[in-house]
Amino acid sequence: MTPAIELRGVSKTFVLRRNPVRDLKILMLGWFHPELREHREVFWALREVDLGVRPGEFLGVIGPNGSGKSTLLRIIAGIYSPSSGHVAVNGRVAPMIDLGVGFHPDLSGRENVYLSTSLYGLSGRETDAIYDAIVEFAELGDFMDVPVKNYSTGMHARLGFAVAAHLDPDILLVDEVLAVGDQSFQDKCIRRLEEMRRRGKTIVVVSHSLASVHKMCDWACLLVGGRLLETGDPERVVARYREIITASIPMKGEVG
């Protein structure tokens, strides 16, 4: 079976600029005062990641902040290109990453729905067919003609998730959407994801909710420091992560 997602030896680096110099005078002084010079360093967001996800699987990605989880999703989505390695994605992808970031602030919710769906290749008629379902899911009927710059973060998330979830993609990439909005909306998101899994969609979700990963996912992977530390049964992977968390917390009275 051809994998829905396949990563082989994928690494991603970013160049961090320390003490960036934009003033010519400071630049000249830097010749004599090293502390004024700009310094650059390479940050490894991902290191040699091998990962394969089969069609219809639900994968949970866990790990501490800064471990490379969001970078991994952005590489699968094609937002970032890997610095090295190979990425293959087979199927139509809907990334639920930074929900609502792609919305134009001066356009209304209605206009942004049509703008967003057009970016995924839907015609106006195709969007007409799913528009009511999007609005019903987002529960924003009274606000669809209001500019989204007046939306709260939760309203952005509601509309962003509703649009992505109704595009009928083959692959969903979900980044911390379960941590946004009230409990009722989170429960609705979970039910939607479970419904899409039953329909054979491939889902990759990044979450800090270990209980949700344990409950929903077919398998899980643990990223630490950009490296894939553990993969397999969610219970085992979550247990390994808890061990790491426990080991990293200093005991009372211990200086770390």
Protein backbone atom coordinates (compact mmCIF):
# COMPACT_ATOMS: atom_id res chain seq x y z
CA MET A 1 0.00 0.00 0.00
CA THR A 2 1.33 3.43 -0.95
CA PRO A 3 1.79 5.56 2.21
CA ALA A 4 -0.38 8.64 2.55
CA ILE A 5 2.63 10.41 4.10
CA GLU A 6 6.26 9.36 3.93
CA LEU A 7 9.30 11.15 5.33
CA ARG A 8 12.80 9.75 4.92
CA GLY A 9 15.76 11.38 6.65
CA VAL A 10 13.98 14.73 6.90
CA SER A 11 15.84 17.55 8.63
CA LYS A 12 14.97 21.22 8.90
CA THR A 13 17.30 24.00 9.99
CA PHE A 14 16.74 27.70 10.60
CA VAL A 15 19.37 30.42 10.87
CA LEU A 16 18.93 32.48 14.03
CA ARG A 17 20.33 36.01 14.03
CA ARG A 18 21.63 37.16 17.40
CA ASN A 19 22.15 40.88 17.93
CA PRO A 20 21.19 41.82 14.33
CA VAL A 21 22.90 45.02 13.17
CA ARG A 22 20.98 47.50 11.01
CA ASP A 23 22.85 50.68 11.89
CA LEU A 24 26.01 51.46 9.88
CA LYS A 25 27.67 53.11 12.87
CA ILE A 26 27.11 50.05 15.05
CA LEU A 27 28.34 47.86 12.20
CA MET A 28 31.62 49.78 12.06
CA LEU A 29 32.01 49.71 15.84
CA GLY A 30 31.59 45.98 15.72
CA TRP A 31 35.06 45.69 14.14
CA PHE A 32 36.51 46.81 17.45
CA HIS A 33 33.86 45.59 19.89
CA PRO A 34 32.90 41.93 19.32
CA GLU A 35 29.88 42.21 21.61
CA LEU A 36 28.27 44.56 19.06
CA ARG A 37 28.66 42.18 16.13
CA GLU A 38 25.85 40.16 14.67
CA HIS A 39 26.07 36.46 15.41
CA ARG A 40 24.31 33.73 13.49
CA GLU A 41 23.69 30.19 14.59
CA VAL A 42 21.95 27.20 13.05
CA PHE A 43 18.92 25.81 14.86
CA TRP A 44 17.90 22.23 14.07
CA ALA A 45 14.11 22.05 14.24
CA LEU A 46 14.09 18.47 12.91
CA ARG A 47 16.89 15.92 12.62
CA GLU A 48 16.77 12.84 10.39
CA VAL A 49 13.08 12.06 10.83
CA ASP A 50 11.74 8.86 9.24
CA LEU A 51 7.97 8.55 9.32
CA GLY A 52 5.34 6.70 7.32
CA VAL A 53 1.57 7.08 7.72
CA ARG A 54 -0.78 4.74 5.88
CA PRO A 55 -4.12 5.85 4.38
CA GLY A 56 -6.85 5.95 7.00
CA GLU A 57 -4.53 6.08 10.01
CA PHE A 58 -4.90 8.54 12.90
CA LEU A 59 -1.45 9.58 14.17
CA GLY A 60 -0.84 11.63 17.30
CA VAL A 61 2.35 13.71 17.57
CA ILE A 62 3.46 14.65 21.08
CA GLY A 63 6.49 16.27 22.67
CA PRO A 64 7.61 19.30 24.66
CA ASN A 65 7.45 22.85 23.34
CA GLY A 66 10.11 23.51 20.72
CA SER A 67 10.50 19.83 19.86
CA GLY A 68 9.63 20.30 16.17
CA LYS A 69 5.99 19.19 16.14
CA SER A 70 4.58 22.20 14.28
CA THR A 71 7.58 22.23 11.93
CA LEU A 72 6.82 18.61 11.07
CA LEU A 73 3.23 19.49 10.13
CA ARG A 74 4.35 22.46 8.06
CA ILE A 75 6.75 20.28 6.10
CA ILE A 76 4.03 17.69 5.42
CA ALA A 77 1.70 20.53 4.36
CA GLY A 78 4.31 21.94 1.99
CA ILE A 79 4.55 25.24 3.88
CA TYR A 80 8.23 24.53 4.65
CA SER A 81 10.68 22.70 2.47
CA PRO A 82 13.02 20.27 4.25
CA SER A 83 16.67 21.24 4.48
CA SER A 84 17.48 17.63 3.62
CA GLY A 85 15.63 14.37 3.14
CA HIS A 86 12.61 13.28 1.14
CA VAL A 87 8.89 14.00 1.65
CA ALA A 88 6.04 12.34 -0.26
CA VAL A 89 2.38 13.16 0.33
CA ASN A 90 -0.30 11.28 -1.60
CA GLY A 91 -3.71 12.89 -1.48
CA ARG A 92 -5.40 16.22 -0.98
CA VAL A 93 -4.20 17.92 2.20
CA ALA A 94 -6.10 20.31 4.47
CA PRO A 95 -3.81 21.81 7.11
CA MET A 96 -5.57 23.00 10.26
CA ILE A 97 -2.49 24.96 11.29
CA ASP A 98 -2.78 28.39 12.96
CA LEU A 99 -6.50 28.38 12.33
CA GLY A 100 -7.74 31.59 10.78
CA VAL A 101 -4.27 33.01 10.09
CA GLY A 102 -5.01 32.94 6.34
CA PHE A 103 -8.15 34.99 6.74
CA HIS A 104 -8.15 38.56 5.42
CA PRO A 105 -8.97 40.78 8.40
CA ASP A 106 -10.99 43.32 6.43
CA LEU A 107 -13.20 40.72 4.75
CA SER A 108 -16.29 39.28 6.38
CA GLY A 109 -16.53 35.72 7.60
CA ARG A 110 -18.64 34.87 4.55
CA GLU A 111 -16.10 36.37 2.15
CA ASN A 112 -13.24 34.59 3.89
CA VAL A 113 -15.00 31.24 3.54
CA TYR A 114 -15.18 31.70 -0.22
CA LEU A 115 -11.61 33.00 -0.35
CA SER A 116 -10.27 30.07 1.69
CA THR A 117 -12.11 27.40 -0.29
CA SER A 118 -10.98 28.93 -3.58
CA LEU A 119 -7.37 28.50 -2.47
CA TYR A 120 -8.08 24.76 -2.27
CA GLY A 121 -9.51 24.73 -5.77
CA LEU A 122 -13.22 24.81 -4.98
CA SER A 123 -15.49 26.70 -7.32
CA GLY A 124 -18.08 29.16 -6.07
CA ARG A 125 -20.81 26.60 -6.74
CA GLU A 126 -18.94 23.93 -4.76
CA THR A 127 -18.57 26.33 -1.85
CA ASP A 128 -22.26 27.21 -2.07
CA ALA A 129 -23.01 23.52 -1.47
CA ILE A 130 -21.06 23.37 1.82
CA TYR A 131 -21.46 26.96 3.04
CA ASP A 132 -24.49 26.34 5.28
CA ALA A 133 -22.79 23.32 6.87
CA ILE A 134 -19.68 25.42 7.59
CA VAL A 135 -21.74 28.15 9.24
CA GLU A 136 -23.76 25.64 11.25
CA PHE A 137 -20.63 23.92 12.50
CA ALA A 138 -18.91 27.19 13.41
CA GLU A 139 -22.06 28.52 15.13
CA LEU A 140 -21.31 32.00 13.77
CA GLY A 141 -24.49 32.68 11.84
CA ASP A 142 -24.93 36.14 13.37
CA PHE A 143 -21.34 37.12 12.61
CA MET A 144 -20.71 35.86 9.08
CA ASP A 145 -21.12 39.35 7.61
CA VAL A 146 -18.84 40.95 10.21
CA PRO A 147 -15.15 41.59 9.31
CA VAL A 148 -13.01 38.87 10.90
CA LYS A 149 -10.73 41.52 12.43
CA ASN A 150 -13.54 41.88 14.96
CA TYR A 151 -13.55 38.15 15.76
CA SER A 152 -12.15 36.74 18.97
CA THR A 153 -9.46 34.03 18.87
CA GLY A 154 -12.12 31.42 19.55
CA MET A 155 -14.29 32.67 16.67
CA HIS A 156 -11.28 32.51 14.33
CA ALA A 157 -10.70 28.91 15.43
CA ARG A 158 -14.34 27.95 14.97
CA LEU A 159 -14.46 29.27 11.42
CA GLY A 160 -11.01 27.98 10.50
CA PHE A 161 -11.78 24.45 11.69
CA ALA A 162 -15.23 24.47 10.08
CA VAL A 163 -13.78 25.42 6.68
CA ALA A 164 -10.95 22.89 6.79
CA ALA A 165 -13.18 20.08 8.06
CA HIS A 166 -15.67 20.52 5.20
CA LEU A 167 -13.14 20.50 2.36
CA ASP A 168 -13.35 16.68 2.28
CA PRO A 169 -9.56 16.23 2.12
CA ASP A 170 -7.72 12.92 2.05
CA ILE A 171 -5.28 14.08 4.74
CA LEU A 172 -5.93 16.39 7.70
CA LEU A 173 -3.08 18.02 9.60
CA VAL A 174 -4.30 19.36 12.93
CA ASP A 175 -2.11 21.56 15.14
CA GLU A 176 -3.41 22.08 18.69
CA VAL A 177 -6.95 22.85 17.55
CA LEU A 178 -8.23 20.81 20.49
CA ALA A 179 -6.79 23.41 22.86
CA VAL A 180 -8.77 26.27 21.30
CA GLY A 181 -12.30 27.32 22.14
CA ASP A 182 -14.68 26.16 24.85
CA GLN A 183 -15.22 22.54 25.88
CA SER A 184 -18.35 22.21 23.77
CA PHE A 185 -16.46 23.24 20.63
CA GLN A 186 -13.53 20.95 21.46
CA ASP A 187 -15.93 18.03 21.85
CA LYS A 188 -17.48 18.87 18.50
CA CYS A 189 -14.03 18.93 16.88
CA ILE A 190 -13.22 15.51 18.33
CA ARG A 191 -16.49 14.05 17.06
CA ARG A 192 -15.78 15.48 13.62
CA LEU A 193 -12.30 13.99 13.55
CA GLU A 194 -13.63 10.60 14.62
CA GLU A 195 -16.27 10.77 11.89
CA MET A 196 -13.63 11.58 9.28
CA ARG A 197 -11.47 8.70 10.49
CA ARG A 198 -14.43 6.33 10.03
CA ARG A 199 -14.65 7.57 6.45
CA GLY A 200 -11.05 6.54 5.87
CA LYS A 201 -9.35 9.93 6.10
CA THR A 202 -5.74 10.13 7.21
CA ILE A 203 -5.31 12.39 10.24
CA VAL A 204 -2.16 13.70 11.91
CA VAL A 205 -2.81 15.67 15.08
CA VAL A 206 -0.35 17.58 17.26
CA SER A 207 -1.65 17.87 20.80
CA HIS A 208 -0.54 18.50 24.36
CA SER A 209 -3.61 16.58 25.52
CA LEU A 210 -2.08 13.17 26.20
CA ALA A 211 -5.47 11.78 27.18
CA SER A 212 -6.91 12.76 23.78
CA VAL A 213 -3.98 11.19 21.92
CA HIS A 214 -4.33 8.01 23.98
CA LYS A 215 -8.08 7.86 23.33
CA MET A 216 -8.30 8.85 19.65
CA CYS A 217 -5.13 7.83 17.86
CA ASP A 218 -4.19 4.52 16.24
CA TRP A 219 -0.55 5.20 17.05
CA ALA A 220 1.66 8.01 18.24
CA CYS A 221 5.15 9.43 17.88
CA LEU A 222 7.26 11.37 20.35
CA LEU A 223 9.50 14.23 19.20
CA VAL A 224 12.17 15.59 21.52
CA GLY A 225 14.76 18.11 20.36
CA GLY A 226 13.76 17.60 16.74
CA ARG A 227 14.41 13.85 16.88
CA LEU A 228 11.86 11.06 16.65
CA LEU A 229 12.40 9.38 20.01
CA GLU A 230 9.57 6.85 20.10
CA THR A 231 6.77 5.55 17.83
CA GLY A 232 4.06 2.95 18.25
CA ASP A 233 1.14 2.22 20.55
CA PRO A 234 -0.23 5.49 22.04
CA GLU A 235 -0.20 4.11 25.60
CA ARG A 236 3.47 3.20 25.37
CA VAL A 237 4.51 6.45 23.68
CA VAL A 238 2.54 8.57 26.16
CA ALA A 239 4.10 6.63 29.05
CA ARG A 240 7.58 7.33 27.64
CA TYR A 241 6.78 11.02 27.38
CA ARG A 242 5.54 11.09 30.98
CA GLU A 243 8.84 9.53 32.07
CA ILE A 244 10.74 12.31 30.28
CA ILE A 245 8.53 14.99 31.84
CA THR A 246 9.01 13.51 35.31
CA ALA A 247 12.78 13.23 34.88
CA SER A 248 13.04 16.87 33.78
CA ILE A 249 11.26 18.27 36.86
CA PRO A 250 13.73 18.95 39.70
CA MET A 251 12.87 17.38 43.04
CA LYS A 252 11.94 19.74 45.87
CA GLY A 253 15.03 21.47 47.14
CA GLU A 254 17.09 20.44 44.12
CA VAL A 255 18.89 23.18 42.23
CA GLY A 256 18.65 22.77 38.46
